[in-house]
Amino acid sequence: MSESQINRIESARFIQQMLGELRAMAKTNRLEMLAYLIEIAYIESSDQLRKEIGAGSGISQRNVSA
């Protein structure tokens, strides 16, 4: 795994963590539309993280977003 890929994984993890905190804050304050949009970004960050980790480990993953 290259240093560049490690940086991408660390960045994706950090972004995912921040999105989780923002999502909780939006839900607590009943900001439904913001919570929804942040949830979509959280899911995307999770998918991206899985792709990055899979690419670094040599694991081939199937594209299921058809």
PDB file of N, CA and C in Angstrom:
ATOM      1  N   MET A   1       0.849  -1.172   0.000  1.00  0.00           N
ATOM      2  CA  MET A   1       0.000   0.000   0.000  1.00  0.00           C
ATOM      3  C   MET A   1       0.896   1.237   0.000  1.00  0.00           C
ATOM      4  N   SER A   2       0.636   2.146  -0.910  1.00  0.00           N
ATOM      5  CA  SER A   2       1.472   3.336  -1.036  1.00  0.00           C
ATOM      6  C   SER A   2       1.108   4.378   0.025  1.00  0.00           C
ATOM      7  N   GLU A   3       2.024   5.309   0.237  1.00  0.00           N
ATOM      8  CA  GLU A   3       1.775   6.386   1.201  1.00  0.00           C
ATOM      9  C   GLU A   3       0.579   7.226   0.782  1.00  0.00           C
ATOM     10  N   SER A   4       0.441   7.442  -0.501  1.00  0.00           N
ATOM     11  CA  SER A   4      -0.689   8.204  -1.026  1.00  0.00           C
ATOM     12  C   SER A   4      -2.013   7.516  -0.696  1.00  0.00           C
ATOM     13  N   GLN A   5      -2.047   6.211  -0.840  1.00  0.00           N
ATOM     14  CA  GLN A   5      -3.274   5.472  -0.555  1.00  0.00           C
ATOM     15  C   GLN A   5      -3.570   5.468   0.948  1.00  0.00           C
ATOM     16  N   ILE A   6      -2.543   5.375   1.764  1.00  0.00           N
ATOM     17  CA  ILE A   6      -2.728   5.444   3.212  1.00  0.00           C
ATOM     18  C   ILE A   6      -3.318   6.797   3.595  1.00  0.00           C
ATOM     19  N   ASN A   7      -2.823   7.876   2.991  1.00  0.00           N
ATOM     20  CA  ASN A   7      -3.356   9.213   3.255  1.00  0.00           C
ATOM     21  C   ASN A   7      -4.824   9.306   2.851  1.00  0.00           C
ATOM     22  N   ARG A   8      -5.178   8.692   1.716  1.00  0.00           N
ATOM     23  CA  ARG A   8      -6.584   8.701   1.268  1.00  0.00           C
ATOM     24  C   ARG A   8      -7.467   7.951   2.262  1.00  0.00           C
ATOM     25  N   ILE A   9      -6.984   6.838   2.772  1.00  0.00           N
ATOM     26  CA  ILE A   9      -7.749   6.052   3.738  1.00  0.00           C
ATOM     27  C   ILE A   9      -7.922   6.836   5.037  1.00  0.00           C
ATOM     28  N   GLU A  10      -6.846   7.450   5.511  1.00  0.00           N
ATOM     29  CA  GLU A  10      -6.923   8.250   6.734  1.00  0.00           C
ATOM     30  C   GLU A  10      -7.890   9.423   6.552  1.00  0.00           C
ATOM     31  N   SER A  11      -7.833  10.065   5.404  1.00  0.00           N
ATOM     32  CA  SER A  11      -8.746  11.180   5.129  1.00  0.00           C
ATOM     33  C   SER A  11     -10.190  10.709   5.086  1.00  0.00           C
ATOM     34  N   ALA A  12     -10.440   9.590   4.420  1.00  0.00           N
ATOM     35  CA  ALA A  12     -11.803   9.050   4.336  1.00  0.00           C
ATOM     36  C   ALA A  12     -12.330   8.693   5.725  1.00  0.00           C
ATOM     37  N   ARG A  13     -11.480   8.113   6.567  1.00  0.00           N
ATOM     38  CA  ARG A  13     -11.897   7.776   7.935  1.00  0.00           C
ATOM     39  C   ARG A  13     -12.231   9.036   8.736  1.00  0.00           C
ATOM     40  N   PHE A  14     -11.400  10.060   8.606  1.00  0.00           N
ATOM     41  CA  PHE A  14     -11.640  11.305   9.326  1.00  0.00           C
ATOM     42  C   PHE A  14     -12.949  11.941   8.862  1.00  0.00           C
ATOM     43  N   ILE A  15     -13.146  11.998   7.562  1.00  0.00           N
ATOM     44  CA  ILE A  15     -14.373  12.584   7.004  1.00  0.00           C
ATOM     45  C   ILE A  15     -15.589  11.808   7.492  1.00  0.00           C
ATOM     46  N   GLN A  16     -15.495  10.480   7.480  1.00  0.00           N
ATOM     47  CA  GLN A  16     -16.606   9.654   7.935  1.00  0.00           C
ATOM     48  C   GLN A  16     -16.924   9.946   9.406  1.00  0.00           C
ATOM     49  N   GLN A  17     -15.900  10.070  10.227  1.00  0.00           N
ATOM     50  CA  GLN A  17     -16.108  10.363  11.643  1.00  0.00           C
ATOM     51  C   GLN A  17     -16.798  11.719  11.825  1.00  0.00           C
ATOM     52  N   MET A  18     -16.329  12.740  11.100  1.00  0.00           N
ATOM     53  CA  MET A  18     -16.934  14.064  11.210  1.00  0.00           C
ATOM     54  C   MET A  18     -18.390  14.052  10.733  1.00  0.00           C
ATOM     55  N   LEU A  19     -18.648  13.332   9.645  1.00  0.00           N
ATOM     56  CA  LEU A  19     -20.015  13.232   9.146  1.00  0.00           C
ATOM     57  C   LEU A  19     -20.920  12.552  10.170  1.00  0.00           C
ATOM     58  N   GLY A  20     -20.403  11.531  10.852  1.00  0.00           N
ATOM     59  CA  GLY A  20     -21.186  10.864  11.893  1.00  0.00           C
ATOM     60  C   GLY A  20     -21.567  11.822  13.008  1.00  0.00           C
ATOM     61  N   GLU A  21     -20.627  12.652  13.407  1.00  0.00           N
ATOM     62  CA  GLU A  21     -20.905  13.636  14.453  1.00  0.00           C
ATOM     63  C   GLU A  21     -21.901  14.690  13.974  1.00  0.00           C
ATOM     64  N   LEU A  22     -21.736  15.156  12.742  1.00  0.00           N
ATOM     65  CA  LEU A  22     -22.672  16.142  12.189  1.00  0.00           C
ATOM     66  C   LEU A  22     -24.071  15.553  12.046  1.00  0.00           C
ATOM     67  N   ARG A  23     -24.139  14.295  11.627  1.00  0.00           N
ATOM     68  CA  ARG A  23     -25.437  13.627  11.485  1.00  0.00           C
ATOM     69  C   ARG A  23     -26.145  13.559  12.830  1.00  0.00           C
ATOM     70  N   ALA A  24     -25.419  13.173  13.881  1.00  0.00           N
ATOM     71  CA  ALA A  24     -26.006  13.107  15.216  1.00  0.00           C
ATOM     72  C   ALA A  24     -26.494  14.478  15.680  1.00  0.00           C
ATOM     73  N   MET A  25     -25.711  15.506  15.417  1.00  0.00           N
ATOM     74  CA  MET A  25     -26.086  16.862  15.797  1.00  0.00           C
ATOM     75  C   MET A  25     -27.350  17.311  15.063  1.00  0.00           C
ATOM     76  N   ALA A  26     -27.413  17.018  13.779  1.00  0.00           N
ATOM     77  CA  ALA A  26     -28.591  17.402  12.989  1.00  0.00           C
ATOM     78  C   ALA A  26     -29.834  16.667  13.483  1.00  0.00           C
ATOM     79  N   LYS A  27     -29.700  15.375  13.779  1.00  0.00           N
ATOM     80  CA  LYS A  27     -30.849  14.599  14.279  1.00  0.00           C
ATOM     81  C   LYS A  27     -31.306  15.114  15.638  1.00  0.00           C
ATOM     82  N   THR A  28     -30.349  15.411  16.519  1.00  0.00           N
ATOM     83  CA  THR A  28     -30.675  15.916  17.853  1.00  0.00           C
ATOM     84  C   THR A  28     -31.481  17.205  17.768  1.00  0.00           C
ATOM     85  N   ASN A  29     -31.152  18.024  16.798  1.00  0.00           N
ATOM     86  CA  ASN A  29     -31.810  19.318  16.643  1.00  0.00           C
ATOM     87  C   ASN A  29     -32.966  19.286  15.644  1.00  0.00           C
ATOM     88  N   ARG A  30     -33.379  18.082  15.276  1.00  0.00           N
ATOM     89  CA  ARG A  30     -34.515  17.859  14.373  1.00  0.00           C
ATOM     90  C   ARG A  30     -34.376  18.630  13.057  1.00  0.00           C
ATOM     91  N   LEU A  31     -33.177  18.619  12.525  1.00  0.00           N
ATOM     92  CA  LEU A  31     -32.915  19.213  11.217  1.00  0.00           C
ATOM     93  C   LEU A  31     -32.936  18.068  10.202  1.00  0.00           C
ATOM     94  N   GLU A  32     -34.155  17.621   9.886  1.00  0.00           N
ATOM     95  CA  GLU A  32     -34.339  16.388   9.141  1.00  0.00           C
ATOM     96  C   GLU A  32     -33.653  16.377   7.780  1.00  0.00           C
ATOM     97  N   MET A  33     -33.802  17.447   7.009  1.00  0.00           N
ATOM     98  CA  MET A  33     -33.213  17.462   5.669  1.00  0.00           C
ATOM     99  C   MET A  33     -31.693  17.452   5.745  1.00  0.00           C
ATOM    100  N   LEU A  34     -31.126  18.210   6.652  1.00  0.00           N
ATOM    101  CA  LEU A  34     -29.671  18.186   6.828  1.00  0.00           C
ATOM    102  C   LEU A  34     -29.207  16.806   7.284  1.00  0.00           C
ATOM    103  N   ALA A  35     -29.927  16.208   8.215  1.00  0.00           N
ATOM    104  CA  ALA A  35     -29.562  14.870   8.693  1.00  0.00           C
ATOM    105  C   ALA A  35     -29.589  13.876   7.541  1.00  0.00           C
ATOM    106  N   TYR A  36     -30.594  13.986   6.687  1.00  0.00           N
ATOM    107  CA  TYR A  36     -30.710  13.095   5.533  1.00  0.00           C
ATOM    108  C   TYR A  36     -29.530  13.271   4.576  1.00  0.00           C
ATOM    109  N   LEU A  37     -29.228  14.502   4.228  1.00  0.00           N
ATOM    110  CA  LEU A  37     -28.132  14.767   3.291  1.00  0.00           C
ATOM    111  C   LEU A  37     -26.787  14.335   3.873  1.00  0.00           C
ATOM    112  N   ILE A  38     -26.596  14.571   5.151  1.00  0.00           N
ATOM    113  CA  ILE A  38     -25.359  14.143   5.799  1.00  0.00           C
ATOM    114  C   ILE A  38     -25.290  12.621   5.822  1.00  0.00           C
ATOM    115  N   GLU A  39     -26.421  11.965   6.044  1.00  0.00           N
ATOM    116  CA  GLU A  39     -26.469  10.500   6.019  1.00  0.00           C
ATOM    117  C   GLU A  39     -26.036   9.962   4.663  1.00  0.00           C
ATOM    118  N   ILE A  40     -26.475  10.592   3.581  1.00  0.00           N
ATOM    119  CA  ILE A  40     -26.079  10.182   2.230  1.00  0.00           C
ATOM    120  C   ILE A  40     -24.560  10.330   2.074  1.00  0.00           C
ATOM    121  N   ALA A  41     -24.013  11.439   2.540  1.00  0.00           N
ATOM    122  CA  ALA A  41     -22.561  11.644   2.465  1.00  0.00           C
ATOM    123  C   ALA A  41     -21.831  10.624   3.333  1.00  0.00           C
ATOM    124  N   TYR A  42     -22.395  10.277   4.494  1.00  0.00           N
ATOM    125  CA  TYR A  42     -21.795   9.279   5.373  1.00  0.00           C
ATOM    126  C   TYR A  42     -21.740   7.918   4.679  1.00  0.00           C
ATOM    127  N   ILE A  43     -22.823   7.544   4.028  1.00  0.00           N
ATOM    128  CA  ILE A  43     -22.866   6.273   3.301  1.00  0.00           C
ATOM    129  C   ILE A  43     -21.839   6.277   2.177  1.00  0.00           C
ATOM    130  N   GLU A  44     -21.744   7.378   1.455  1.00  0.00           N
ATOM    131  CA  GLU A  44     -20.762   7.484   0.370  1.00  0.00           C
ATOM    132  C   GLU A  44     -19.346   7.378   0.914  1.00  0.00           C
ATOM    133  N   SER A  45     -19.086   8.005   2.048  1.00  0.00           N
ATOM    134  CA  SER A  45     -17.739   7.916   2.635  1.00  0.00           C
ATOM    135  C   SER A  45     -17.432   6.479   3.061  1.00  0.00           C
ATOM    136  N   SER A  46     -18.432   5.770   3.551  1.00  0.00           N
ATOM    137  CA  SER A  46     -18.243   4.366   3.919  1.00  0.00           C
ATOM    138  C   SER A  46     -17.913   3.523   2.698  1.00  0.00           C
ATOM    139  N   ASP A  47     -18.646   3.759   1.609  1.00  0.00           N
ATOM    140  CA  ASP A  47     -18.389   3.030   0.368  1.00  0.00           C
ATOM    141  C   ASP A  47     -16.995   3.326  -0.160  1.00  0.00           C
ATOM    142  N   GLN A  48     -16.610   4.588  -0.131  1.00  0.00           N
ATOM    143  CA  GLN A  48     -15.290   4.981  -0.619  1.00  0.00           C
ATOM    144  C   GLN A  48     -14.195   4.350   0.231  1.00  0.00           C
ATOM    145  N   LEU A  49     -14.407   4.318   1.527  1.00  0.00           N
ATOM    146  CA  LEU A  49     -13.431   3.722   2.431  1.00  0.00           C
ATOM    147  C   LEU A  49     -13.276   2.233   2.136  1.00  0.00           C
ATOM    148  N   ARG A  50     -14.380   1.545   1.929  1.00  0.00           N
ATOM    149  CA  ARG A  50     -14.311   0.121   1.583  1.00  0.00           C
ATOM    150  C   ARG A  50     -13.536  -0.093   0.293  1.00  0.00           C
ATOM    151  N   LYS A  51     -13.766   0.764  -0.691  1.00  0.00           N
ATOM    152  CA  LYS A  51     -13.044   0.661  -1.966  1.00  0.00           C
ATOM    153  C   LYS A  51     -11.548   0.877  -1.767  1.00  0.00           C
ATOM    154  N   GLU A  52     -11.194   1.887  -0.998  1.00  0.00           N
ATOM    155  CA  GLU A  52      -9.784   2.197  -0.763  1.00  0.00           C
ATOM    156  C   GLU A  52      -9.082   1.057  -0.027  1.00  0.00           C
ATOM    157  N   ILE A  53      -9.737   0.526   0.991  1.00  0.00           N
ATOM    158  CA  ILE A  53      -9.141  -0.566   1.758  1.00  0.00           C
ATOM    159  C   ILE A  53      -9.042  -1.811   0.890  1.00  0.00           C
ATOM    160  N   GLY A  54     -10.070  -2.097   0.114  1.00  0.00           N
ATOM    161  CA  GLY A  54     -10.054  -3.251  -0.775  1.00  0.00           C
ATOM    162  C   GLY A  54      -8.987  -3.132  -1.845  1.00  0.00           C
ATOM    163  N   ALA A  55      -8.808  -1.948  -2.404  1.00  0.00           N
ATOM    164  CA  ALA A  55      -7.797  -1.732  -3.449  1.00  0.00           C
ATOM    165  C   ALA A  55      -6.397  -1.922  -2.886  1.00  0.00           C
ATOM    166  N   GLY A  56      -6.192  -1.519  -1.640  1.00  0.00           N
ATOM    167  CA  GLY A  56      -4.880  -1.643  -1.025  1.00  0.00           C
ATOM    168  C   GLY A  56      -4.533  -3.063  -0.648  1.00  0.00           C
ATOM    169  N   SER A  57      -5.558  -3.866  -0.394  1.00  0.00           N
ATOM    170  CA  SER A  57      -5.289  -5.242   0.028  1.00  0.00           C
ATOM    171  C   SER A  57      -5.286  -6.202  -1.140  1.00  0.00           C
ATOM    172  N   GLY A  58      -5.621  -5.707  -2.329  1.00  0.00           N
ATOM    173  CA  GLY A  58      -5.641  -6.573  -3.498  1.00  0.00           C
ATOM    174  C   GLY A  58      -6.925  -7.374  -3.619  1.00  0.00           C
ATOM    175  N   ILE A  59      -7.899  -7.098  -2.774  1.00  0.00           N
ATOM    176  CA  ILE A  59      -9.176  -7.805  -2.822  1.00  0.00           C
ATOM    177  C   ILE A  59     -10.020  -7.198  -3.935  1.00  0.00           C
ATOM    178  N   SER A  60     -10.524  -8.046  -4.789  1.00  0.00           N
ATOM    179  CA  SER A  60     -11.386  -7.590  -5.876  1.00  0.00           C
ATOM    180  C   SER A  60     -12.809  -7.498  -5.355  1.00  0.00           C
ATOM    181  N   GLN A  61     -13.438  -6.325  -5.538  1.00  0.00           N
ATOM    182  CA  GLN A  61     -14.809  -6.139  -5.088  1.00  0.00           C
ATOM    183  C   GLN A  61     -15.718  -5.922  -6.277  1.00  0.00           C
ATOM    184  N   ARG A  62     -16.899  -6.455  -6.168  1.00  0.00           N
ATOM    185  CA  ARG A  62     -17.890  -6.351  -7.227  1.00  0.00           C
ATOM    186  C   ARG A  62     -18.602  -5.011  -7.121  1.00  0.00           C
ATOM    187  N   ASN A  63     -18.882  -4.394  -8.255  1.00  0.00           N
ATOM    188  CA  ASN A  63     -19.623  -3.142  -8.278  1.00  0.00           C
ATOM    189  C   ASN A  63     -21.100  -3.472  -8.185  1.00  0.00           C
ATOM    190  N   VAL A  64     -21.732  -3.088  -7.071  1.00  0.00           N
ATOM    191  CA  VAL A  64     -23.137  -3.403  -6.858  1.00  0.00           C
ATOM    192  C   VAL A  64     -24.031  -2.170  -7.005  1.00  0.00           C
ATOM    193  N   SER A  65     -23.490  -1.072  -7.481  1.00  0.00           N
ATOM    194  CA  SER A  65     -24.288   0.149  -7.602  1.00  0.00           C
ATOM    195  C   SER A  65     -24.836   0.304  -9.008  1.00  0.00           C
ATOM    196  N   ALA A  66     -25.556  -0.699  -9.469  1.00  0.00           N
ATOM    197  CA  ALA A  66     -26.119  -0.667 -10.825  1.00  0.00           C
ATOM    198  C   ALA A  66     -27.467  -0.019 -10.841  1.00  0.00           C
TER     199      ALA A  66
END
